[in-house]
PDB file of N, CA and C in Angstrom:
ATOM      1  N   MET A   1      11.535  37.514 -16.338  1.00  0.00           N
ATOM      2  CA  MET A   1      11.989  36.733 -15.201  1.00  0.00           C
ATOM      3  C   MET A   1      10.883  36.601 -14.155  1.00  0.00           C
ATOM      4  N   LYS A   2      10.170  37.706 -13.908  1.00  0.00           N
ATOM      5  CA  LYS A   2       9.077  37.669 -12.934  1.00  0.00           C
ATOM      6  C   LYS A   2       7.969  36.716 -13.384  1.00  0.00           C
ATOM      7  N   ILE A   3       7.740  36.673 -14.684  1.00  0.00           N
ATOM      8  CA  ILE A   3       6.706  35.773 -15.202  1.00  0.00           C
ATOM      9  C   ILE A   3       7.119  34.323 -14.991  1.00  0.00           C
ATOM     10  N   LEU A   4       8.379  34.016 -15.227  1.00  0.00           N
ATOM     11  CA  LEU A   4       8.885  32.666 -15.024  1.00  0.00           C
ATOM     12  C   LEU A   4       8.750  32.249 -13.564  1.00  0.00           C
ATOM     13  N   ILE A   5       9.107  33.117 -12.658  1.00  0.00           N
ATOM     14  CA  ILE A   5       8.989  32.828 -11.221  1.00  0.00           C
ATOM     15  C   ILE A   5       7.527  32.621 -10.850  1.00  0.00           C
ATOM     16  N   ALA A   6       6.655  33.446 -11.372  1.00  0.00           N
ATOM     17  CA  ALA A   6       5.222  33.310 -11.096  1.00  0.00           C
ATOM     18  C   ALA A   6       4.692  31.978 -11.618  1.00  0.00           C
ATOM     19  N   LEU A   7       5.128  31.588 -12.818  1.00  0.00           N
ATOM     20  CA  LEU A   7       4.684  30.305 -13.380  1.00  0.00           C
ATOM     21  C   LEU A   7       5.188  29.121 -12.561  1.00  0.00           C
ATOM     22  N   LEU A   8       6.436  29.178 -12.147  1.00  0.00           N
ATOM     23  CA  LEU A   8       6.985  28.099 -11.318  1.00  0.00           C
ATOM     24  C   LEU A   8       6.257  28.008  -9.981  1.00  0.00           C
ATOM     25  N   PHE A   9       5.991  29.146  -9.375  1.00  0.00           N
ATOM     26  CA  PHE A   9       5.283  29.175  -8.100  1.00  0.00           C
ATOM     27  C   PHE A   9       3.885  28.576  -8.248  1.00  0.00           C
ATOM     28  N   THR A  10       3.193  28.936  -9.337  1.00  0.00           N
ATOM     29  CA  THR A  10       1.863  28.405  -9.597  1.00  0.00           C
ATOM     30  C   THR A  10       1.913  26.898  -9.833  1.00  0.00           C
ATOM     31  N   ALA A  11       2.911  26.435 -10.548  1.00  0.00           N
ATOM     32  CA  ALA A  11       3.043  25.000 -10.814  1.00  0.00           C
ATOM     33  C   ALA A  11       3.262  24.220  -9.533  1.00  0.00           C
ATOM     34  N   VAL A  12       4.060  24.750  -8.639  1.00  0.00           N
ATOM     35  CA  VAL A  12       4.313  24.073  -7.369  1.00  0.00           C
ATOM     36  C   VAL A  12       3.041  23.998  -6.540  1.00  0.00           C
ATOM     37  N   LEU A  13       2.260  25.046  -6.547  1.00  0.00           N
ATOM     38  CA  LEU A  13       1.030  25.055  -5.764  1.00  0.00           C
ATOM     39  C   LEU A  13      -0.046  24.155  -6.338  1.00  0.00           C
ATOM     40  N   THR A  14      -0.018  23.894  -7.626  1.00  0.00           N
ATOM     41  CA  THR A  14      -1.058  23.075  -8.236  1.00  0.00           C
ATOM     42  C   THR A  14      -0.720  21.591  -8.266  1.00  0.00           C
ATOM     43  N   VAL A  15       0.469  21.203  -7.869  1.00  0.00           N
ATOM     44  CA  VAL A  15       0.821  19.785  -7.806  1.00  0.00           C
ATOM     45  C   VAL A  15       0.084  19.171  -6.627  1.00  0.00           C
ATOM     46  N   PRO A  16      -0.710  18.133  -6.845  1.00  0.00           N
ATOM     47  CA  PRO A  16      -1.453  17.549  -5.737  1.00  0.00           C
ATOM     48  C   PRO A  16      -0.524  16.884  -4.728  1.00  0.00           C
ATOM     49  N   ALA A  17      -0.910  16.960  -3.486  1.00  0.00           N
ATOM     50  CA  ALA A  17      -0.123  16.317  -2.435  1.00  0.00           C
ATOM     51  C   ALA A  17      -0.250  14.808  -2.579  1.00  0.00           C
ATOM     52  N   GLN A  18       0.846  14.100  -2.457  1.00  0.00           N
ATOM     53  CA  GLN A  18       0.840  12.657  -2.565  1.00  0.00           C
ATOM     54  C   GLN A  18       0.704  12.052  -1.170  1.00  0.00           C
ATOM     55  N   ALA A  19      -0.395  11.395  -0.925  1.00  0.00           N
ATOM     56  CA  ALA A  19      -0.609  10.743   0.352  1.00  0.00           C
ATOM     57  C   ALA A  19      -0.135   9.301   0.227  1.00  0.00           C
ATOM     58  N   ALA A  20       0.394   8.785   1.297  1.00  0.00           N
ATOM     59  CA  ALA A  20       0.830   7.395   1.294  1.00  0.00           C
ATOM     60  C   ALA A  20      -0.386   6.486   1.143  1.00  0.00           C
ATOM     61  N   CYS A  21      -0.202   5.368   0.481  1.00  0.00           N
ATOM     62  CA  CYS A  21      -1.287   4.421   0.248  1.00  0.00           C
ATOM     63  C   CYS A  21      -0.908   3.076   0.872  1.00  0.00           C
ATOM     64  N   TYR A  22      -1.867   2.454   1.507  1.00  0.00           N
ATOM     65  CA  TYR A  22      -1.668   1.179   2.182  1.00  0.00           C
ATOM     66  C   TYR A  22      -2.784   0.219   1.784  1.00  0.00           C
ATOM     67  N   ALA A  23      -2.497  -1.060   1.906  1.00  0.00           N
ATOM     68  CA  ALA A  23      -3.499  -2.091   1.622  1.00  0.00           C
ATOM     69  C   ALA A  23      -3.471  -3.116   2.738  1.00  0.00           C
ATOM     70  N   ASP A  24      -4.645  -3.622   3.087  1.00  0.00           N
ATOM     71  CA  ASP A  24      -4.670  -4.765   3.992  1.00  0.00           C
ATOM     72  C   ASP A  24      -5.105  -5.979   3.181  1.00  0.00           C
ATOM     73  N   TYR A  25      -4.555  -7.119   3.537  1.00  0.00           N
ATOM     74  CA  TYR A  25      -4.693  -8.305   2.701  1.00  0.00           C
ATOM     75  C   TYR A  25      -4.670  -9.565   3.562  1.00  0.00           C
ATOM     76  N   LYS A  26      -5.028 -10.683   2.926  1.00  0.00           N
ATOM     77  CA  LYS A  26      -4.905 -12.014   3.526  1.00  0.00           C
ATOM     78  C   LYS A  26      -4.020 -12.857   2.606  1.00  0.00           C
ATOM     79  N   ALA A  27      -3.162 -13.667   3.227  1.00  0.00           N
ATOM     80  CA  ALA A  27      -2.242 -14.516   2.466  1.00  0.00           C
ATOM     81  C   ALA A  27      -2.127 -15.879   3.136  1.00  0.00           C
ATOM     82  N   LYS A  28      -1.586 -16.847   2.387  1.00  0.00           N
ATOM     83  CA  LYS A  28      -1.421 -18.197   2.937  1.00  0.00           C
ATOM     84  C   LYS A  28      -0.120 -18.823   2.479  1.00  0.00           C
ATOM     85  N   GLN A  29       0.305 -19.826   3.237  1.00  0.00           N
ATOM     86  CA  GLN A  29       1.362 -20.753   2.838  1.00  0.00           C
ATOM     87  C   GLN A  29       0.782 -22.150   2.996  1.00  0.00           C
ATOM     88  N   ASP A  30       1.230 -23.073   2.164  1.00  0.00           N
ATOM     89  CA  ASP A  30       0.761 -24.457   2.245  1.00  0.00           C
ATOM     90  C   ASP A  30       1.826 -25.349   2.849  1.00  0.00           C
ATOM     91  N   ASP A  31       1.364 -26.460   3.406  1.00  0.00           N
ATOM     92  CA  ASP A  31       2.203 -27.565   3.865  1.00  0.00           C
ATOM     93  C   ASP A  31       3.262 -27.175   4.882  1.00  0.00           C
ATOM     94  N   PRO A  32       2.933 -26.873   6.073  1.00  0.00           N
ATOM     95  CA  PRO A  32       1.584 -26.861   6.642  1.00  0.00           C
ATOM     96  C   PRO A  32       0.878 -25.548   6.324  1.00  0.00           C
ATOM     97  N   LEU A  33      -0.446 -25.599   6.364  1.00  0.00           N
ATOM     98  CA  LEU A  33      -1.239 -24.415   6.077  1.00  0.00           C
ATOM     99  C   LEU A  33      -0.996 -23.347   7.141  1.00  0.00           C
ATOM    100  N   ARG A  34      -0.638 -22.155   6.666  1.00  0.00           N
ATOM    101  CA  ARG A  34      -0.478 -20.980   7.533  1.00  0.00           C
ATOM    102  C   ARG A  34      -1.205 -19.826   6.861  1.00  0.00           C
ATOM    103  N   LEU A  35      -1.919 -19.052   7.639  1.00  0.00           N
ATOM    104  CA  LEU A  35      -2.641 -17.897   7.135  1.00  0.00           C
ATOM    105  C   LEU A  35      -2.165 -16.653   7.860  1.00  0.00           C
ATOM    106  N   HIS A  36      -2.206 -15.527   7.179  1.00  0.00           N
ATOM    107  CA  HIS A  36      -1.943 -14.279   7.893  1.00  0.00           C
ATOM    108  C   HIS A  36      -2.712 -13.120   7.280  1.00  0.00           C
ATOM    109  N   TYR A  37      -2.980 -12.146   8.146  1.00  0.00           N
ATOM    110  CA  TYR A  37      -3.566 -10.872   7.752  1.00  0.00           C
ATOM    111  C   TYR A  37      -2.443  -9.862   7.863  1.00  0.00           C
ATOM    112  N   GLY A  38      -2.289  -9.020   6.858  1.00  0.00           N
ATOM    113  CA  GLY A  38      -1.207  -8.050   6.901  1.00  0.00           C
ATOM    114  C   GLY A  38      -1.601  -6.705   6.333  1.00  0.00           C
ATOM    115  N   VAL A  39      -0.737  -5.747   6.582  1.00  0.00           N
ATOM    116  CA  VAL A  39      -0.882  -4.393   6.054  1.00  0.00           C
ATOM    117  C   VAL A  39       0.439  -4.032   5.400  1.00  0.00           C
ATOM    118  N   ALA A  40       0.375  -3.491   4.189  1.00  0.00           N
ATOM    119  CA  ALA A  40       1.590  -3.131   3.457  1.00  0.00           C
ATOM    120  C   ALA A  40       1.393  -1.786   2.765  1.00  0.00           C
ATOM    121  N   GLN A  41       2.483  -1.067   2.618  1.00  0.00           N
ATOM    122  CA  GLN A  41       2.435   0.163   1.828  1.00  0.00           C
ATOM    123  C   GLN A  41       2.570  -0.217   0.364  1.00  0.00           C
ATOM    124  N   VAL A  42       1.780   0.420  -0.472  1.00  0.00           N
ATOM    125  CA  VAL A  42       1.846   0.194  -1.914  1.00  0.00           C
ATOM    126  C   VAL A  42       2.104   1.536  -2.601  1.00  0.00           C
ATOM    127  N   PRO A  43       2.652   1.517  -3.803  1.00  0.00           N
ATOM    128  CA  PRO A  43       2.912   2.770  -4.515  1.00  0.00           C
ATOM    129  C   PRO A  43       1.616   3.557  -4.735  1.00  0.00           C
ATOM    130  N   ASP A  44       1.733   4.857  -4.767  1.00  0.00           N
ATOM    131  CA  ASP A  44       0.561   5.714  -4.962  1.00  0.00           C
ATOM    132  C   ASP A  44      -0.192   5.379  -6.247  1.00  0.00           C
ATOM    133  N   ASP A  45       0.533   4.972  -7.284  1.00  0.00           N
ATOM    134  CA  ASP A  45      -0.144   4.643  -8.543  1.00  0.00           C
ATOM    135  C   ASP A  45      -0.792   3.256  -8.509  1.00  0.00           C
ATOM    136  N   SER A  46      -0.680   2.566  -7.379  1.00  0.00           N
ATOM    137  CA  SER A  46      -1.329   1.261  -7.195  1.00  0.00           C
ATOM    138  C   SER A  46      -2.360   1.330  -6.076  1.00  0.00           C
ATOM    139  N   CYS A  47      -2.931   2.484  -5.887  1.00  0.00           N
ATOM    140  CA  CYS A  47      -3.838   2.698  -4.762  1.00  0.00           C
ATOM    141  C   CYS A  47      -5.280   2.349  -5.127  1.00  0.00           C
ATOM    142  N   ASN A  48      -5.455   1.155  -5.647  1.00  0.00           N
ATOM    143  CA  ASN A  48      -6.783   0.560  -5.829  1.00  0.00           C
ATOM    144  C   ASN A  48      -6.600  -0.932  -5.622  1.00  0.00           C
ATOM    145  N   VAL A  49      -7.671  -1.628  -5.352  1.00  0.00           N
ATOM    146  CA  VAL A  49      -7.575  -3.039  -4.962  1.00  0.00           C
ATOM    147  C   VAL A  49      -6.888  -3.883  -6.029  1.00  0.00           C
ATOM    148  N   ALA A  50      -7.247  -3.717  -7.281  1.00  0.00           N
ATOM    149  CA  ALA A  50      -6.671  -4.545  -8.346  1.00  0.00           C
ATOM    150  C   ALA A  50      -5.171  -4.309  -8.505  1.00  0.00           C
ATOM    151  N   ALA A  51      -4.763  -3.062  -8.523  1.00  0.00           N
ATOM    152  CA  ALA A  51      -3.339  -2.750  -8.686  1.00  0.00           C
ATOM    153  C   ALA A  51      -2.545  -3.160  -7.453  1.00  0.00           C
ATOM    154  N   ALA A  52      -3.099  -2.941  -6.273  1.00  0.00           N
ATOM    155  CA  ALA A  52      -2.422  -3.344  -5.042  1.00  0.00           C
ATOM    156  C   ALA A  52      -2.248  -4.860  -5.005  1.00  0.00           C
ATOM    157  N   ALA A  53      -3.216  -5.590  -5.518  1.00  0.00           N
ATOM    158  CA  ALA A  53      -3.122  -7.054  -5.544  1.00  0.00           C
ATOM    159  C   ALA A  53      -1.933  -7.511  -6.386  1.00  0.00           C
ATOM    160  N   LYS A  54      -1.704  -6.873  -7.515  1.00  0.00           N
ATOM    161  CA  LYS A  54      -0.560  -7.238  -8.365  1.00  0.00           C
ATOM    162  C   LYS A  54       0.759  -6.984  -7.640  1.00  0.00           C
ATOM    163  N   VAL A  55       0.854  -5.830  -6.990  1.00  0.00           N
ATOM    164  CA  VAL A  55       2.076  -5.474  -6.276  1.00  0.00           C
ATOM    165  C   VAL A  55       2.319  -6.443  -5.121  1.00  0.00           C
ATOM    166  N   LEU A  56       1.290  -6.685  -4.337  1.00  0.00           N
ATOM    167  CA  LEU A  56       1.449  -7.540  -3.155  1.00  0.00           C
ATOM    168  C   LEU A  56       1.673  -9.001  -3.519  1.00  0.00           C
ATOM    169  N   ALA A  57       1.023  -9.486  -4.551  1.00  0.00           N
ATOM    170  CA  ALA A  57       1.226 -10.886  -4.967  1.00  0.00           C
ATOM    171  C   ALA A  57       2.696 -11.132  -5.278  1.00  0.00           C
ATOM    172  N   ALA A  58       3.316 -10.211  -5.985  1.00  0.00           N
ATOM    173  CA  ALA A  58       4.734 -10.363  -6.335  1.00  0.00           C
ATOM    174  C   ALA A  58       5.619 -10.315  -5.098  1.00  0.00           C
ATOM    175  N   ARG A  59       5.350  -9.390  -4.192  1.00  0.00           N
ATOM    176  CA  ARG A  59       6.152  -9.287  -2.962  1.00  0.00           C
ATOM    177  C   ARG A  59       6.021 -10.531  -2.103  1.00  0.00           C
ATOM    178  N   LEU A  60       4.795 -10.978  -1.923  1.00  0.00           N
ATOM    179  CA  LEU A  60       4.550 -12.132  -1.060  1.00  0.00           C
ATOM    180  C   LEU A  60       5.118 -13.412  -1.655  1.00  0.00           C
ATOM    181  N   GLU A  61       5.026 -13.554  -2.954  1.00  0.00           N
ATOM    182  CA  GLU A  61       5.543 -14.749  -3.631  1.00  0.00           C
ATOM    183  C   GLU A  61       7.040 -14.922  -3.373  1.00  0.00           C
ATOM    184  N   GLN A  62       7.772 -13.825  -3.272  1.00  0.00           N
ATOM    185  CA  GLN A  62       9.209 -13.902  -3.001  1.00  0.00           C
ATOM    186  C   GLN A  62       9.502 -14.543  -1.645  1.00  0.00           C
ATOM    187  N   LYS A  63       8.533 -14.497  -0.741  1.00  0.00           N
ATOM    188  CA  LYS A  63       8.700 -15.087   0.594  1.00  0.00           C
ATOM    189  C   LYS A  63       7.836 -16.327   0.767  1.00  0.00           C
ATOM    190  N   ASN A  64       7.439 -16.932  -0.360  1.00  0.00           N
ATOM    191  CA  ASN A  64       6.663 -18.174  -0.377  1.00  0.00           C
ATOM    192  C   ASN A  64       5.275 -18.041   0.227  1.00  0.00           C
ATOM    193  N   TRP A  65       4.667 -16.876   0.110  1.00  0.00           N
ATOM    194  CA  TRP A  65       3.281 -16.656   0.502  1.00  0.00           C
ATOM    195  C   TRP A  65       2.455 -16.477  -0.762  1.00  0.00           C
ATOM    196  N   THR A  66       1.195 -16.883  -0.701  1.00  0.00           N
ATOM    197  CA  THR A  66       0.257 -16.679  -1.797  1.00  0.00           C
ATOM    198  C   THR A  66      -0.792 -15.678  -1.350  1.00  0.00           C
ATOM    199  N   LEU A  67      -0.949 -14.621  -2.117  1.00  0.00           N
ATOM    200  CA  LEU A  67      -1.975 -13.637  -1.804  1.00  0.00           C
ATOM    201  C   LEU A  67      -3.344 -14.251  -2.022  1.00  0.00           C
ATOM    202  N   LEU A  68      -4.207 -14.152  -1.025  1.00  0.00           N
ATOM    203  CA  LEU A  68      -5.582 -14.627  -1.164  1.00  0.00           C
ATOM    204  C   LEU A  68      -6.499 -13.500  -1.618  1.00  0.00           C
ATOM    205  N   THR A  69      -6.381 -12.343  -0.963  1.00  0.00           N
ATOM    206  CA  THR A  69      -7.230 -11.209  -1.315  1.00  0.00           C
ATOM    207  C   THR A  69      -6.688  -9.908  -0.733  1.00  0.00           C
ATOM    208  N   VAL A  70      -6.949  -8.849  -1.429  1.00  0.00           N
ATOM    209  CA  VAL A  70      -6.718  -7.514  -0.880  1.00  0.00           C
ATOM    210  C   VAL A  70      -8.077  -7.046  -0.383  1.00  0.00           C
ATOM    211  N   LEU A  71      -8.140  -6.732   0.883  1.00  0.00           N
ATOM    212  CA  LEU A  71      -9.413  -6.345   1.486  1.00  0.00           C
ATOM    213  C   LEU A  71      -9.773  -4.905   1.181  1.00  0.00           C
ATOM    214  N   SER A  72      -8.786  -4.017   1.272  1.00  0.00           N
ATOM    215  CA  SER A  72      -9.052  -2.600   1.012  1.00  0.00           C
ATOM    216  C   SER A  72      -7.740  -1.856   0.821  1.00  0.00           C
ATOM    217  N   VAL A  73      -7.832  -0.669   0.279  1.00  0.00           N
ATOM    218  CA  VAL A  73      -6.719   0.263   0.225  1.00  0.00           C
ATOM    219  C   VAL A  73      -7.158   1.498   0.997  1.00  0.00           C
ATOM    220  N   PHE A  74      -6.197   2.156   1.644  1.00  0.00           N
ATOM    221  CA  PHE A  74      -6.555   3.262   2.521  1.00  0.00           C
ATOM    222  C   PHE A  74      -5.361   4.182   2.710  1.00  0.00           C
ATOM    223  N   SER A  75      -5.620   5.328   3.303  1.00  0.00           N
ATOM    224  CA  SER A  75      -4.577   6.326   3.515  1.00  0.00           C
ATOM    225  C   SER A  75      -3.928   6.151   4.881  1.00  0.00           C
ATOM    226  N   GLU A  76      -2.913   6.946   5.109  1.00  0.00           N
ATOM    227  CA  GLU A  76      -2.190   6.907   6.372  1.00  0.00           C
ATOM    228  C   GLU A  76      -3.100   7.226   7.565  1.00  0.00           C
ATOM    229  N   ALA A  77      -4.167   7.962   7.325  1.00  0.00           N
ATOM    230  CA  ALA A  77      -5.088   8.326   8.397  1.00  0.00           C
ATOM    231  C   ALA A  77      -5.704   7.091   9.068  1.00  0.00           C
ATOM    232  N   GLN A  78      -5.907   6.010   8.324  1.00  0.00           N
ATOM    233  CA  GLN A  78      -6.495   4.788   8.890  1.00  0.00           C
ATOM    234  C   GLN A  78      -5.457   3.756   9.305  1.00  0.00           C
ATOM    235  N   LEU A  79      -4.202   4.060   9.090  1.00  0.00           N
ATOM    236  CA  LEU A  79      -3.141   3.084   9.313  1.00  0.00           C
ATOM    237  C   LEU A  79      -3.089   2.581  10.755  1.00  0.00           C
ATOM    238  N   ASN A  80      -3.179   3.478  11.716  1.00  0.00           N
ATOM    239  CA  ASN A  80      -3.029   3.055  13.112  1.00  0.00           C
ATOM    240  C   ASN A  80      -4.160   2.165  13.596  1.00  0.00           C
ATOM    241  N   THR A  81      -5.301   2.161  12.914  1.00  0.00           N
ATOM    242  CA  THR A  81      -6.411   1.305  13.332  1.00  0.00           C
ATOM    243  C   THR A  81      -6.189  -0.157  12.930  1.00  0.00           C
ATOM    244  N   LYS A  82      -5.210  -0.416  12.088  1.00  0.00           N
ATOM    245  CA  LYS A  82      -4.974  -1.769  11.562  1.00  0.00           C
ATOM    246  C   LYS A  82      -3.750  -2.448  12.183  1.00  0.00           C
ATOM    247  N   GLU A  83      -2.942  -1.696  12.892  1.00  0.00           N
ATOM    248  CA  GLU A  83      -1.662  -2.223  13.381  1.00  0.00           C
ATOM    249  C   GLU A  83      -1.831  -3.413  14.317  1.00  0.00           C
ATOM    250  N   GLU A  84      -2.719  -3.323  15.268  1.00  0.00           N
ATOM    251  CA  GLU A  84      -2.876  -4.405  16.235  1.00  0.00           C
ATOM    252  C   GLU A  84      -3.324  -5.706  15.566  1.00  0.00           C
ATOM    253  N   ALA A  85      -4.273  -5.618  14.643  1.00  0.00           N
ATOM    254  CA  ALA A  85      -4.761  -6.816  13.970  1.00  0.00           C
ATOM    255  C   ALA A  85      -3.687  -7.465  13.103  1.00  0.00           C
ATOM    256  N   ALA A  86      -2.836  -6.665  12.484  1.00  0.00           N
ATOM    257  CA  ALA A  86      -1.810  -7.208  11.598  1.00  0.00           C
ATOM    258  C   ALA A  86      -0.629  -7.783  12.360  1.00  0.00           C
ATOM    259  N   GLY A  87      -0.388  -7.337  13.567  1.00  0.00           N
ATOM    260  CA  GLY A  87       0.697  -7.884  14.382  1.00  0.00           C
ATOM    261  C   GLY A  87       2.029  -7.882  13.674  1.00  0.00           C
ATOM    262  N   ALA A  88       2.662  -9.051  13.582  1.00  0.00           N
ATOM    263  CA  ALA A  88       3.990  -9.184  12.974  1.00  0.00           C
ATOM    264  C   ALA A  88       3.974  -8.880  11.469  1.00  0.00           C
ATOM    265  N   PHE A  89       2.803  -8.853  10.859  1.00  0.00           N
ATOM    266  CA  PHE A  89       2.710  -8.606   9.421  1.00  0.00           C
ATOM    267  C   PHE A  89       2.286  -7.172   9.113  1.00  0.00           C
ATOM    268  N   PHE A  90       2.454  -6.284  10.085  1.00  0.00           N
ATOM    269  CA  PHE A  90       2.170  -4.868   9.885  1.00  0.00           C
ATOM    270  C   PHE A  90       3.382  -4.225   9.206  1.00  0.00           C
ATOM    271  N   LEU A  91       3.175  -3.799   7.977  1.00  0.00           N
ATOM    272  CA  LEU A  91       4.210  -3.168   7.145  1.00  0.00           C
ATOM    273  C   LEU A  91       5.438  -4.063   6.942  1.00  0.00           C
ATOM    274  N   ARG A  92       5.245  -5.367   6.992  1.00  0.00           N
ATOM    275  CA  ARG A  92       6.339  -6.315   6.780  1.00  0.00           C
ATOM    276  C   ARG A  92       6.664  -6.477   5.299  1.00  0.00           C
ATOM    277  N   TYR A  93       5.637  -6.521   4.478  1.00  0.00           N
ATOM    278  CA  TYR A  93       5.853  -6.708   3.042  1.00  0.00           C
ATOM    279  C   TYR A  93       5.390  -5.462   2.340  1.00  0.00           C
TER     280      TYR A  93
END
């Protein structure tokens, strides 16, 4: 029993901490042309530009936006530096 408890304790300590992942991006709508810069949370397993682009393209398409580019992916530590620039599109999608 003590060995089982020790193994479980070790397993819990070795699980890496999951940090939230965010991406900043540019998107557009046509007719009339509208552009926006936004920040969105993406799943941890999509925390690279290519994977975040797939996730965001699908989300934005549902609201008639076309993803132009994902600029970067970043952790929660940099999140507050992007809020003002994103305005109404901060964590909207």
